[in-house]
Amino acid sequence: MYQPFSAVRSTARDGVTVVSLRGDIDMTTEVEVRQALLSASGAEAPRTVVDLSQVSFMDSTGFNALISAHAHATAHSGWIRVATPPPMVKRMFHMLGIDEVISSYPTLKEALTG
């Protein structure tokens, strides 16, 4: 069942930005996903945790947006971490080798403490 997309940005301790994504992430939400992730990593030393606990579906659009945000963050001495990926997303991270580039954590708390 389709779930509408939304993104909520907040700042956690030590200036780490948390981006909570919700709903379906696909080609119809590409602009919003990229904007949410790149806006979060726009700081001089971007440190972002992307909470995927409320994502109901993610296709290649979402994976590509995470990789682009990771590249942008690391180019500016920062990082992107993923928290609470649903089983389908976690499996695709592994199959695509993204888990070798972007760290994934089972909880938001663990992602924040890294």
Protein backbone atom coordinates (compact mmCIF):
# COMPACT_ATOMS: atom_id res chain seq x y z
CA MET A 1 0.00 0.00 0.00
CA TYR A 2 1.36 3.42 -0.98
CA GLN A 3 2.53 5.63 1.90
CA PRO A 4 3.06 9.36 1.18
CA PHE A 5 6.60 10.61 1.59
CA SER A 6 7.70 13.14 4.18
CA ALA A 7 10.99 14.23 5.71
CA VAL A 8 11.60 15.79 9.11
CA ARG A 9 14.91 17.40 10.00
CA SER A 10 16.12 18.00 13.55
CA THR A 11 19.41 18.63 15.32
CA ALA A 12 20.62 16.14 17.87
CA ARG A 13 23.43 16.56 20.33
CA ASP A 14 26.82 17.71 19.14
CA GLY A 15 25.30 19.32 16.05
CA VAL A 16 24.47 16.05 14.30
CA THR A 17 21.49 16.46 11.99
CA VAL A 18 18.83 13.75 12.04
CA VAL A 19 16.73 13.36 8.91
CA SER A 20 13.71 11.12 9.48
CA LEU A 21 12.29 9.84 6.21
CA ARG A 22 8.79 8.36 6.06
CA GLY A 23 6.68 6.62 3.46
CA ASP A 24 7.57 5.46 -0.03
CA ILE A 25 10.83 6.59 -1.59
CA ASP A 26 10.74 6.23 -5.36
CA MET A 27 11.13 8.26 -8.54
CA THR A 28 8.08 10.38 -7.66
CA THR A 29 9.79 11.62 -4.48
CA GLU A 30 13.35 11.92 -5.85
CA VAL A 31 13.56 15.72 -5.63
CA GLU A 32 12.23 15.83 -2.06
CA VAL A 33 14.55 13.03 -0.87
CA ARG A 34 17.66 14.60 -2.41
CA GLN A 35 16.71 18.01 -1.06
CA ALA A 36 16.18 16.65 2.47
CA LEU A 37 19.49 14.78 2.46
CA LEU A 38 21.65 17.41 0.77
CA SER A 39 20.19 20.28 2.80
CA ALA A 40 21.08 18.33 5.93
CA SER A 41 24.64 17.74 4.80
CA GLY A 42 25.16 21.31 3.63
CA ALA A 43 27.07 22.41 6.72
CA GLU A 44 30.83 22.88 6.68
CA ALA A 45 31.39 19.58 8.52
CA PRO A 46 28.16 17.72 7.76
CA ARG A 47 27.27 14.90 10.11
CA THR A 48 23.90 13.36 9.37
CA VAL A 49 21.96 10.36 10.63
CA VAL A 50 19.18 9.24 8.30
CA ASP A 51 16.40 7.49 10.22
CA LEU A 52 14.65 5.01 7.93
CA SER A 53 12.41 3.38 10.57
CA GLN A 54 9.23 4.73 8.92
CA VAL A 55 10.18 3.99 5.30
CA SER A 56 7.69 1.59 3.74
CA PHE A 57 9.40 1.23 0.34
CA MET A 58 12.69 2.35 -1.23
CA ASP A 59 13.82 1.87 -4.81
CA SER A 60 17.10 2.83 -6.47
CA THR A 61 16.17 6.50 -6.22
CA GLY A 62 16.58 6.38 -2.44
CA PHE A 63 19.81 4.41 -2.58
CA ASN A 64 21.25 6.85 -5.13
CA ALA A 65 20.23 9.82 -2.97
CA LEU A 66 21.97 8.30 0.06
CA ILE A 67 25.14 7.68 -1.96
CA SER A 68 25.10 11.26 -3.30
CA ALA A 69 24.61 12.66 0.21
CA HIS A 70 27.44 10.44 1.47
CA ALA A 71 29.78 11.69 -1.28
CA HIS A 72 28.88 15.30 -0.50
CA ALA A 73 29.35 14.82 3.25
CA THR A 74 32.71 13.06 2.97
CA ALA A 75 33.96 15.72 0.54
CA HIS A 76 33.33 18.21 3.36
CA SER A 77 34.92 16.08 6.14
CA GLY A 78 31.58 14.75 7.34
CA TRP A 79 29.60 11.54 7.25
CA ILE A 80 26.20 9.98 6.67
CA ARG A 81 24.92 7.14 8.85
CA VAL A 82 21.72 5.18 8.46
CA ALA A 83 19.56 4.21 11.44
CA THR A 84 16.87 1.53 11.73
CA PRO A 85 16.64 0.43 8.09
CA PRO A 86 13.67 -1.86 7.40
CA PRO A 87 14.65 -5.46 6.52
CA MET A 88 14.12 -4.90 2.78
CA VAL A 89 16.36 -1.83 2.78
CA LYS A 90 19.01 -3.53 4.91
CA ARG A 91 19.05 -6.50 2.53
CA MET A 92 19.46 -4.21 -0.50
CA PHE A 93 22.24 -2.27 1.27
CA HIS A 94 24.11 -5.54 1.59
CA MET A 95 23.35 -6.79 -1.94
CA LEU A 96 24.45 -3.49 -3.50
CA GLY A 97 27.51 -3.13 -1.26
CA ILE A 98 26.28 0.15 0.17
CA ASP A 99 26.82 -1.19 3.69
CA GLU A 100 30.55 -1.16 2.95
CA VAL A 101 30.41 2.59 2.32
CA ILE A 102 27.63 3.92 4.56
CA SER A 103 27.43 2.70 8.14
CA SER A 104 24.08 1.28 9.21
CA TYR A 105 22.89 0.93 12.81
CA PRO A 106 19.91 -0.93 14.28
CA THR A 107 18.81 2.05 16.42
CA LEU A 108 18.87 5.82 16.20
CA LYS A 109 20.75 6.02 19.48
CA GLU A 110 23.54 3.76 18.17
CA ALA A 111 23.79 5.76 14.95
CA LEU A 112 24.15 8.97 16.91
CA THR A 113 26.94 7.60 19.07
CA GLY A 114 28.56 5.74 16.16
